[in-house]
Each structure stands twice: as C-alpha cells, then as structure tokens.
Amino acid sequence: MEGVGLQRAREALDLAHHIANLLNTGLDRKTLSICIALCEHGVNPEALAAVVKELRRESAAVQGGATATATAALANGPASRA
C-alpha cells in the first residue's frame, strides 16, 4: 500500500502533467518530474525554462542538419559514396 505522501506526490504530478498538456509544453511525465525536482532544489524556474527552450532549438538544428546531410547523400546517388 502506498504511503499518503507518495500518493499525494503522484496526484500532484498527474495534475501538473495535465496542466502541461493543456499548455502544450511538450514535456512528458518524466521530464516534467525532473523539472519539478530541480525547482524544488532551488533551480530558478525561468532559467530552467530558458535551458529547455535552448536544448529544443539545438536538438531541432542537429536533427535538421542530419536530415539535410542524409537527403544530400541520397540525392547524389551511389557515385558520391564510392
């Protein structure tokens, strides 16, 4: 049987995740849980939000670059891979 504290923590995370979904944050439960824990340990929420946004930008740039490289390799055909 879960302790009352653990049950309340799960309910709070469920509520926070529901709100995050309504706000279209794109955060999954695990990531949201990590962000909440960081804030509870004193991390500035605005600074954390800025870091998350920057990581998303960098991830999109890397994925976009990898896609462009793969597309260029396919467009050049087998001769470019030889």
N, C-alpha and C. Protein backbone atom coordinates (compact mmCIF):
# COMPACT_ATOMS: atom_id res chain seq x y z
N MET A 1 0.83 -1.18 0.00
CA MET A 1 0.00 0.00 0.00
C MET A 1 0.88 1.25 0.00
N GLU A 2 0.53 2.22 -0.87
CA GLU A 2 1.32 3.44 -0.96
C GLU A 2 1.12 4.31 0.28
N GLY A 3 2.17 5.00 0.66
CA GLY A 3 2.03 5.97 1.74
C GLY A 3 1.24 7.17 1.26
N VAL A 4 0.66 7.90 2.18
CA VAL A 4 -0.15 9.06 1.84
C VAL A 4 0.69 10.11 1.11
N GLY A 5 1.92 10.30 1.55
CA GLY A 5 2.80 11.28 0.90
C GLY A 5 3.11 10.93 -0.54
N LEU A 6 3.37 9.65 -0.78
CA LEU A 6 3.66 9.20 -2.14
C LEU A 6 2.43 9.34 -3.03
N GLN A 7 1.28 9.02 -2.49
CA GLN A 7 0.03 9.14 -3.25
C GLN A 7 -0.23 10.60 -3.60
N ARG A 8 0.00 11.50 -2.67
CA ARG A 8 -0.20 12.93 -2.93
C ARG A 8 0.80 13.44 -3.95
N ALA A 9 2.01 12.95 -3.90
CA ALA A 9 3.03 13.36 -4.88
C ALA A 9 2.63 12.91 -6.27
N ARG A 10 2.11 11.70 -6.39
CA ARG A 10 1.65 11.20 -7.70
C ARG A 10 0.47 12.03 -8.22
N GLU A 11 -0.45 12.36 -7.32
CA GLU A 11 -1.60 13.18 -7.71
C GLU A 11 -1.15 14.57 -8.16
N ALA A 12 -0.19 15.13 -7.45
CA ALA A 12 0.33 16.45 -7.82
C ALA A 12 1.02 16.39 -9.19
N LEU A 13 1.78 15.32 -9.44
CA LEU A 13 2.44 15.17 -10.73
C LEU A 13 1.41 14.97 -11.84
N ASP A 14 0.38 14.19 -11.56
CA ASP A 14 -0.70 14.00 -12.54
C ASP A 14 -1.33 15.34 -12.91
N LEU A 15 -1.61 16.15 -11.91
CA LEU A 15 -2.21 17.46 -12.14
C LEU A 15 -1.26 18.37 -12.93
N ALA A 16 0.00 18.39 -12.53
CA ALA A 16 1.00 19.21 -13.23
C ALA A 16 1.14 18.75 -14.68
N HIS A 17 1.11 17.45 -14.91
CA HIS A 17 1.23 16.92 -16.28
C HIS A 17 0.01 17.30 -17.11
N HIS A 18 -1.16 17.25 -16.50
CA HIS A 18 -2.39 17.64 -17.20
C HIS A 18 -2.30 19.12 -17.60
N ILE A 19 -1.87 19.95 -16.68
CA ILE A 19 -1.72 21.38 -16.98
C ILE A 19 -0.68 21.59 -18.07
N ALA A 20 0.44 20.88 -17.99
CA ALA A 20 1.49 20.99 -19.00
C ALA A 20 0.95 20.60 -20.38
N ASN A 21 0.10 19.58 -20.43
CA ASN A 21 -0.50 19.18 -21.70
C ASN A 21 -1.45 20.25 -22.22
N LEU A 22 -2.24 20.84 -21.33
CA LEU A 22 -3.16 21.90 -21.74
C LEU A 22 -2.40 23.10 -22.31
N LEU A 23 -1.22 23.34 -21.76
CA LEU A 23 -0.39 24.46 -22.21
C LEU A 23 0.52 24.10 -23.38
N ASN A 24 0.41 22.86 -23.86
CA ASN A 24 1.21 22.38 -25.00
C ASN A 24 2.71 22.56 -24.76
N THR A 25 3.18 22.18 -23.58
CA THR A 25 4.60 22.32 -23.28
C THR A 25 5.46 21.28 -23.98
N GLY A 26 4.85 20.14 -24.30
CA GLY A 26 5.61 19.07 -24.93
C GLY A 26 6.44 18.27 -23.94
N LEU A 27 6.25 18.51 -22.65
CA LEU A 27 7.00 17.78 -21.63
C LEU A 27 6.28 16.49 -21.28
N ASP A 28 7.02 15.38 -21.30
CA ASP A 28 6.43 14.12 -20.85
C ASP A 28 6.50 14.08 -19.32
N ARG A 29 5.87 13.06 -18.74
CA ARG A 29 5.80 12.97 -17.28
C ARG A 29 7.19 12.92 -16.63
N LYS A 30 8.09 12.16 -17.23
CA LYS A 30 9.42 12.02 -16.64
C LYS A 30 10.17 13.35 -16.67
N THR A 31 10.14 14.02 -17.81
CA THR A 31 10.83 15.31 -17.93
C THR A 31 10.22 16.34 -17.00
N LEU A 32 8.89 16.36 -16.94
CA LEU A 32 8.21 17.29 -16.04
C LEU A 32 8.60 17.00 -14.59
N SER A 33 8.67 15.74 -14.23
CA SER A 33 9.06 15.36 -12.88
C SER A 33 10.47 15.85 -12.56
N ILE A 34 11.36 15.71 -13.52
CA ILE A 34 12.74 16.19 -13.32
C ILE A 34 12.77 17.70 -13.15
N CYS A 35 12.01 18.41 -13.98
CA CYS A 35 11.95 19.88 -13.88
C CYS A 35 11.40 20.32 -12.52
N ILE A 36 10.35 19.64 -12.06
CA ILE A 36 9.77 19.97 -10.76
C ILE A 36 10.80 19.72 -9.65
N ALA A 37 11.49 18.59 -9.72
CA ALA A 37 12.50 18.27 -8.71
C ALA A 37 13.62 19.31 -8.70
N LEU A 38 14.04 19.74 -9.88
CA LEU A 38 15.08 20.78 -9.95
C LEU A 38 14.61 22.07 -9.29
N CYS A 39 13.37 22.46 -9.57
CA CYS A 39 12.82 23.68 -8.95
C CYS A 39 12.71 23.52 -7.44
N GLU A 40 12.31 22.33 -6.98
CA GLU A 40 12.23 22.09 -5.55
C GLU A 40 13.59 22.16 -4.87
N HIS A 41 14.65 21.93 -5.65
CA HIS A 41 16.01 22.01 -5.11
C HIS A 41 16.66 23.36 -5.35
N GLY A 42 15.84 24.34 -5.74
CA GLY A 42 16.34 25.71 -5.80
C GLY A 42 16.69 26.25 -7.18
N VAL A 43 16.50 25.47 -8.24
CA VAL A 43 16.79 25.98 -9.58
C VAL A 43 15.74 27.02 -9.93
N ASN A 44 16.18 28.13 -10.51
CA ASN A 44 15.28 29.20 -10.94
C ASN A 44 14.41 28.67 -12.08
N PRO A 45 13.07 28.69 -11.94
CA PRO A 45 12.19 28.16 -12.98
C PRO A 45 12.33 28.86 -14.33
N GLU A 46 12.56 30.18 -14.31
CA GLU A 46 12.73 30.91 -15.57
C GLU A 46 14.02 30.50 -16.27
N ALA A 47 15.07 30.31 -15.51
CA ALA A 47 16.34 29.86 -16.08
C ALA A 47 16.19 28.44 -16.64
N LEU A 48 15.49 27.59 -15.90
CA LEU A 48 15.25 26.23 -16.37
C LEU A 48 14.45 26.23 -17.67
N ALA A 49 13.43 27.07 -17.75
CA ALA A 49 12.63 27.17 -18.98
C ALA A 49 13.50 27.62 -20.15
N ALA A 50 14.41 28.56 -19.90
CA ALA A 50 15.30 29.04 -20.97
C ALA A 50 16.22 27.92 -21.44
N VAL A 51 16.71 27.11 -20.51
CA VAL A 51 17.59 25.99 -20.88
C VAL A 51 16.82 24.96 -21.70
N VAL A 52 15.59 24.65 -21.29
CA VAL A 52 14.78 23.68 -22.03
C VAL A 52 14.53 24.19 -23.45
N LYS A 53 14.20 25.47 -23.59
CA LYS A 53 13.96 26.04 -24.93
C LYS A 53 15.23 25.96 -25.79
N GLU A 54 16.37 26.29 -25.19
CA GLU A 54 17.63 26.25 -25.94
C GLU A 54 17.98 24.82 -26.36
N LEU A 55 17.78 23.87 -25.47
CA LEU A 55 18.06 22.47 -25.82
C LEU A 55 17.15 22.00 -26.95
N ARG A 56 15.91 22.43 -26.93
CA ARG A 56 14.99 22.07 -28.03
C ARG A 56 15.46 22.68 -29.35
N ARG A 57 15.89 23.95 -29.30
CA ARG A 57 16.40 24.60 -30.53
C ARG A 57 17.61 23.86 -31.08
N GLU A 58 18.55 23.54 -30.19
CA GLU A 58 19.76 22.84 -30.62
C GLU A 58 19.43 21.45 -31.15
N SER A 59 18.52 20.76 -30.50
CA SER A 59 18.12 19.43 -30.95
C SER A 59 17.49 19.51 -32.34
N ALA A 60 16.64 20.49 -32.55
CA ALA A 60 16.00 20.65 -33.86
C ALA A 60 17.04 20.98 -34.93
N ALA A 61 18.03 21.80 -34.58
CA ALA A 61 19.07 22.15 -35.54
C ALA A 61 19.91 20.94 -35.90
N VAL A 62 20.25 20.13 -34.91
CA VAL A 62 21.05 18.93 -35.16
C VAL A 62 20.25 17.95 -36.01
N GLN A 63 18.99 17.74 -35.66
CA GLN A 63 18.14 16.82 -36.43
C GLN A 63 17.93 17.34 -37.83
N GLY A 64 17.75 18.64 -37.98
CA GLY A 64 17.59 19.23 -39.30
C GLY A 64 18.86 19.08 -40.13
N GLY A 65 20.01 19.26 -39.50
CA GLY A 65 21.29 19.10 -40.20
C GLY A 65 21.52 17.67 -40.62
N ALA A 66 21.16 16.73 -39.76
CA ALA A 66 21.33 15.31 -40.09
C ALA A 66 20.41 14.91 -41.22
N THR A 67 19.20 15.45 -41.22
CA THR A 67 18.25 15.16 -42.29
C THR A 67 18.75 15.74 -43.61
N ALA A 68 19.28 16.95 -43.56
CA ALA A 68 19.78 17.58 -44.78
C ALA A 68 20.97 16.80 -45.33
N THR A 69 21.86 16.33 -44.46
CA THR A 69 23.02 15.56 -44.89
C THR A 69 22.58 14.24 -45.53
N ALA A 70 21.64 13.56 -44.92
CA ALA A 70 21.15 12.29 -45.45
C ALA A 70 20.45 12.51 -46.79
N THR A 71 19.67 13.56 -46.88
CA THR A 71 18.96 13.87 -48.12
C THR A 71 19.95 14.18 -49.24
N ALA A 72 20.99 14.93 -48.95
CA ALA A 72 22.00 15.27 -49.94
C ALA A 72 22.74 14.01 -50.40
N ALA A 73 23.05 13.12 -49.47
CA ALA A 73 23.74 11.87 -49.84
C ALA A 73 22.88 11.02 -50.75
N LEU A 74 21.60 10.96 -50.46
CA LEU A 74 20.68 10.19 -51.31
C LEU A 74 20.52 10.84 -52.67
N ALA A 75 20.48 12.16 -52.71
CA ALA A 75 20.30 12.87 -53.96
C ALA A 75 21.51 12.72 -54.87
N ASN A 76 22.70 12.59 -54.29
CA ASN A 76 23.92 12.48 -55.09
C ASN A 76 24.13 11.07 -55.62
N GLY A 77 23.40 10.12 -55.08
CA GLY A 77 23.47 8.75 -55.61
C GLY A 77 24.69 7.97 -55.16
N PRO A 78 24.82 6.74 -55.67
CA PRO A 78 25.90 5.84 -55.24
C PRO A 78 27.30 6.35 -55.58
N ALA A 79 27.45 7.13 -56.62
CA ALA A 79 28.76 7.61 -57.02
C ALA A 79 29.41 8.46 -55.93
N SER A 80 28.59 9.21 -55.17
CA SER A 80 29.16 10.06 -54.13
C SER A 80 29.63 9.25 -52.93
N ARG A 81 29.17 8.03 -52.79
CA ARG A 81 29.57 7.20 -51.65
C ARG A 81 30.77 6.33 -51.96
N ALA A 82 31.18 6.30 -53.16
CA ALA A 82 32.30 5.43 -53.55
C ALA A 82 33.64 6.02 -53.21
